[in-house]
Each structure stands twice: as C-alpha cells, then as structure tokens.
Amino acid sequence: MKNSEITGLSKEELVARIAEETENLVKLKFAHTISAIENPTRIKKVRKDIARLNTEVTKRKLAESATETK
C-alpha cells in the first residue's frame, strides 16, 4: 500500500484497514508457524503497512489537536 493511497482514506477507513491488516498479520504468522508459507516476506510487508496506517492516524490526530489549540 502506497502512502498516496493511505492519505486518500478517511479516518474511519484507516481504523478499519488497521484492524483488517492486523487480522491478516495474525493469520499469516499462524500459517507460517504451522508450515512455511510460500512468501514469508509478506509478513514484513503487512507489518510495514500497519505501521504506515498507524503513522497516518497519529499524524491526523496531531494536526487536529494543533488546530484546536489555535
């Protein structure tokens, strides 16, 4: 997922996407524990996507609080 796609999402969509990707990460880790998955770098990619989504949420919260204090 690219940053340009992430910035286009609404706050509710971001939260939903984080939950979805977190669930996907748990499933991937579980599948990899049982038997090696075909492409283990997918786990790394999903973790980075979750981090990008969380960063965008935090950035929006900070921007929102900055406008409230002014």
N, C-alpha and C. Protein backbone atom coordinates (compact mmCIF):
# COMPACT_ATOMS: atom_id res chain seq x y z
N MET A 1 0.84 -1.17 0.00
CA MET A 1 0.00 0.00 0.00
C MET A 1 0.89 1.23 0.00
N LYS A 2 0.60 2.13 -0.90
CA LYS A 2 1.41 3.34 -1.02
C LYS A 2 0.88 4.44 -0.12
N ASN A 3 1.74 5.38 0.21
CA ASN A 3 1.35 6.49 1.06
C ASN A 3 0.27 7.35 0.41
N SER A 4 0.30 7.47 -0.91
CA SER A 4 -0.72 8.26 -1.59
C SER A 4 -2.10 7.61 -1.42
N GLU A 5 -2.15 6.29 -1.39
CA GLU A 5 -3.42 5.59 -1.16
C GLU A 5 -3.89 5.80 0.27
N ILE A 6 -2.95 5.80 1.21
CA ILE A 6 -3.28 5.94 2.62
C ILE A 6 -3.84 7.33 2.91
N THR A 7 -3.24 8.36 2.33
CA THR A 7 -3.70 9.72 2.60
C THR A 7 -5.08 9.97 2.03
N GLY A 8 -5.50 9.19 1.05
CA GLY A 8 -6.82 9.33 0.46
C GLY A 8 -7.94 8.71 1.28
N LEU A 9 -7.59 7.94 2.30
CA LEU A 9 -8.58 7.26 3.12
C LEU A 9 -9.10 8.18 4.22
N SER A 10 -10.35 7.96 4.61
CA SER A 10 -10.91 8.71 5.73
C SER A 10 -10.44 8.08 7.03
N LYS A 11 -10.72 8.75 8.14
CA LYS A 11 -10.28 8.26 9.44
C LYS A 11 -10.92 6.91 9.76
N GLU A 12 -12.20 6.76 9.47
CA GLU A 12 -12.89 5.50 9.73
C GLU A 12 -12.33 4.38 8.87
N GLU A 13 -12.02 4.70 7.61
CA GLU A 13 -11.43 3.71 6.71
C GLU A 13 -10.05 3.29 7.20
N LEU A 14 -9.29 4.24 7.74
CA LEU A 14 -7.96 3.92 8.28
C LEU A 14 -8.07 2.94 9.43
N VAL A 15 -8.98 3.21 10.36
CA VAL A 15 -9.15 2.34 11.52
C VAL A 15 -9.60 0.95 11.08
N ALA A 16 -10.52 0.89 10.14
CA ALA A 16 -11.00 -0.39 9.63
C ALA A 16 -9.87 -1.15 8.93
N ARG A 17 -9.08 -0.43 8.18
CA ARG A 17 -7.97 -1.06 7.45
C ARG A 17 -6.91 -1.59 8.41
N ILE A 18 -6.65 -0.85 9.50
CA ILE A 18 -5.69 -1.31 10.51
C ILE A 18 -6.16 -2.62 11.12
N ALA A 19 -7.45 -2.69 11.47
CA ALA A 19 -8.00 -3.91 12.05
C ALA A 19 -7.91 -5.07 11.07
N GLU A 20 -8.21 -4.80 9.83
CA GLU A 20 -8.16 -5.82 8.78
C GLU A 20 -6.73 -6.34 8.57
N GLU A 21 -5.79 -5.42 8.49
CA GLU A 21 -4.39 -5.81 8.27
C GLU A 21 -3.81 -6.53 9.49
N THR A 22 -4.22 -6.13 10.69
CA THR A 22 -3.75 -6.79 11.90
C THR A 22 -4.25 -8.24 11.93
N GLU A 23 -5.49 -8.43 11.56
CA GLU A 23 -6.05 -9.78 11.49
C GLU A 23 -5.31 -10.61 10.44
N ASN A 24 -5.01 -9.99 9.32
CA ASN A 24 -4.27 -10.65 8.26
C ASN A 24 -2.87 -11.06 8.75
N LEU A 25 -2.23 -10.19 9.51
CA LEU A 25 -0.90 -10.47 10.04
C LEU A 25 -0.94 -11.68 10.99
N VAL A 26 -1.95 -11.73 11.85
CA VAL A 26 -2.08 -12.85 12.77
C VAL A 26 -2.24 -14.16 12.00
N LYS A 27 -3.07 -14.12 10.96
CA LYS A 27 -3.29 -15.32 10.14
C LYS A 27 -2.01 -15.75 9.44
N LEU A 28 -1.27 -14.78 8.91
CA LEU A 28 -0.01 -15.10 8.22
C LEU A 28 1.00 -15.71 9.19
N LYS A 29 1.12 -15.13 10.37
CA LYS A 29 2.06 -15.66 11.36
C LYS A 29 1.67 -17.08 11.78
N PHE A 30 0.39 -17.29 11.96
CA PHE A 30 -0.09 -18.62 12.34
C PHE A 30 0.20 -19.63 11.25
N ALA A 31 -0.09 -19.26 10.00
CA ALA A 31 0.18 -20.16 8.87
C ALA A 31 1.66 -20.44 8.73
N HIS A 32 2.48 -19.44 8.99
CA HIS A 32 3.93 -19.62 8.87
C HIS A 32 4.47 -20.50 10.00
N THR A 33 3.84 -20.45 11.15
CA THR A 33 4.27 -21.28 12.27
C THR A 33 3.95 -22.75 12.00
N ILE A 34 2.78 -23.00 11.46
CA ILE A 34 2.36 -24.38 11.19
C ILE A 34 3.21 -24.98 10.07
N SER A 35 3.26 -24.31 8.97
CA SER A 35 4.10 -24.75 7.85
C SER A 35 4.57 -23.50 7.11
N ALA A 36 5.76 -23.55 6.61
CA ALA A 36 6.34 -22.37 5.98
C ALA A 36 5.45 -21.88 4.84
N ILE A 37 5.14 -20.58 4.88
CA ILE A 37 4.34 -20.01 3.80
C ILE A 37 5.23 -19.78 2.59
N GLU A 38 4.59 -19.66 1.44
CA GLU A 38 5.32 -19.57 0.18
C GLU A 38 6.22 -18.33 0.12
N ASN A 39 5.70 -17.20 0.61
CA ASN A 39 6.45 -15.96 0.54
C ASN A 39 6.48 -15.31 1.93
N PRO A 40 7.47 -15.64 2.76
CA PRO A 40 7.50 -15.11 4.11
C PRO A 40 7.73 -13.60 4.20
N THR A 41 8.14 -12.97 3.11
CA THR A 41 8.32 -11.53 3.14
C THR A 41 6.99 -10.79 3.18
N ARG A 42 5.88 -11.52 2.94
CA ARG A 42 4.55 -10.90 3.06
C ARG A 42 4.30 -10.44 4.48
N ILE A 43 4.84 -11.18 5.47
CA ILE A 43 4.68 -10.80 6.87
C ILE A 43 5.32 -9.43 7.10
N LYS A 44 6.50 -9.25 6.57
CA LYS A 44 7.22 -7.98 6.71
C LYS A 44 6.44 -6.84 6.04
N LYS A 45 5.88 -7.12 4.86
CA LYS A 45 5.13 -6.11 4.13
C LYS A 45 3.88 -5.69 4.89
N VAL A 46 3.18 -6.66 5.47
CA VAL A 46 1.95 -6.35 6.22
C VAL A 46 2.29 -5.54 7.46
N ARG A 47 3.38 -5.89 8.15
CA ARG A 47 3.80 -5.12 9.33
C ARG A 47 4.10 -3.67 8.96
N LYS A 48 4.76 -3.47 7.84
CA LYS A 48 5.08 -2.11 7.40
C LYS A 48 3.82 -1.34 7.00
N ASP A 49 2.86 -2.03 6.38
CA ASP A 49 1.59 -1.38 6.02
C ASP A 49 0.84 -0.93 7.27
N ILE A 50 0.83 -1.77 8.30
CA ILE A 50 0.18 -1.41 9.55
C ILE A 50 0.86 -0.19 10.16
N ALA A 51 2.18 -0.17 10.12
CA ALA A 51 2.92 0.97 10.66
C ALA A 51 2.61 2.25 9.89
N ARG A 52 2.51 2.15 8.57
CA ARG A 52 2.17 3.32 7.76
C ARG A 52 0.77 3.84 8.10
N LEU A 53 -0.17 2.92 8.26
CA LEU A 53 -1.54 3.31 8.62
C LEU A 53 -1.58 3.97 9.99
N ASN A 54 -0.88 3.39 10.96
CA ASN A 54 -0.84 3.98 12.30
C ASN A 54 -0.17 5.35 12.29
N THR A 55 0.85 5.51 11.48
CA THR A 55 1.52 6.80 11.36
C THR A 55 0.57 7.87 10.82
N GLU A 56 -0.22 7.50 9.83
CA GLU A 56 -1.18 8.45 9.26
C GLU A 56 -2.24 8.84 10.29
N VAL A 57 -2.72 7.87 11.07
CA VAL A 57 -3.71 8.17 12.11
C VAL A 57 -3.11 9.14 13.12
N THR A 58 -1.89 8.88 13.56
CA THR A 58 -1.23 9.75 14.54
C THR A 58 -1.01 11.14 13.96
N LYS A 59 -0.60 11.20 12.70
CA LYS A 59 -0.37 12.49 12.06
C LYS A 59 -1.65 13.31 12.01
N ARG A 60 -2.77 12.66 11.71
CA ARG A 60 -4.05 13.37 11.66
C ARG A 60 -4.49 13.82 13.04
N LYS A 61 -4.26 12.99 14.07
CA LYS A 61 -4.62 13.39 15.43
C LYS A 61 -3.82 14.59 15.88
N LEU A 62 -2.54 14.61 15.56
CA LEU A 62 -1.69 15.74 15.92
C LEU A 62 -2.11 17.01 15.19
N ALA A 63 -2.44 16.88 13.93
CA ALA A 63 -2.88 18.04 13.16
C ALA A 63 -4.22 18.56 13.70
N GLU A 64 -5.08 17.65 14.10
CA GLU A 64 -6.38 18.02 14.65
C GLU A 64 -6.22 18.75 15.98
N SER A 65 -5.34 18.23 16.83
CA SER A 65 -5.13 18.88 18.13
C SER A 65 -4.41 20.21 17.99
N ALA A 66 -3.56 20.35 16.97
CA ALA A 66 -2.87 21.60 16.74
C ALA A 66 -3.85 22.69 16.30
N THR A 67 -4.85 22.32 15.49
CA THR A 67 -5.84 23.31 15.05
C THR A 67 -6.79 23.67 16.18
N GLU A 68 -7.03 22.75 17.11
CA GLU A 68 -7.91 23.05 18.25
C GLU A 68 -7.26 24.02 19.23
N THR A 69 -5.94 23.95 19.37
CA THR A 69 -5.26 24.82 20.33
C THR A 69 -5.09 26.22 19.82
N LYS A 70 -5.21 26.41 18.52
CA LYS A 70 -5.02 27.76 17.95
C LYS A 70 -6.24 28.58 18.05
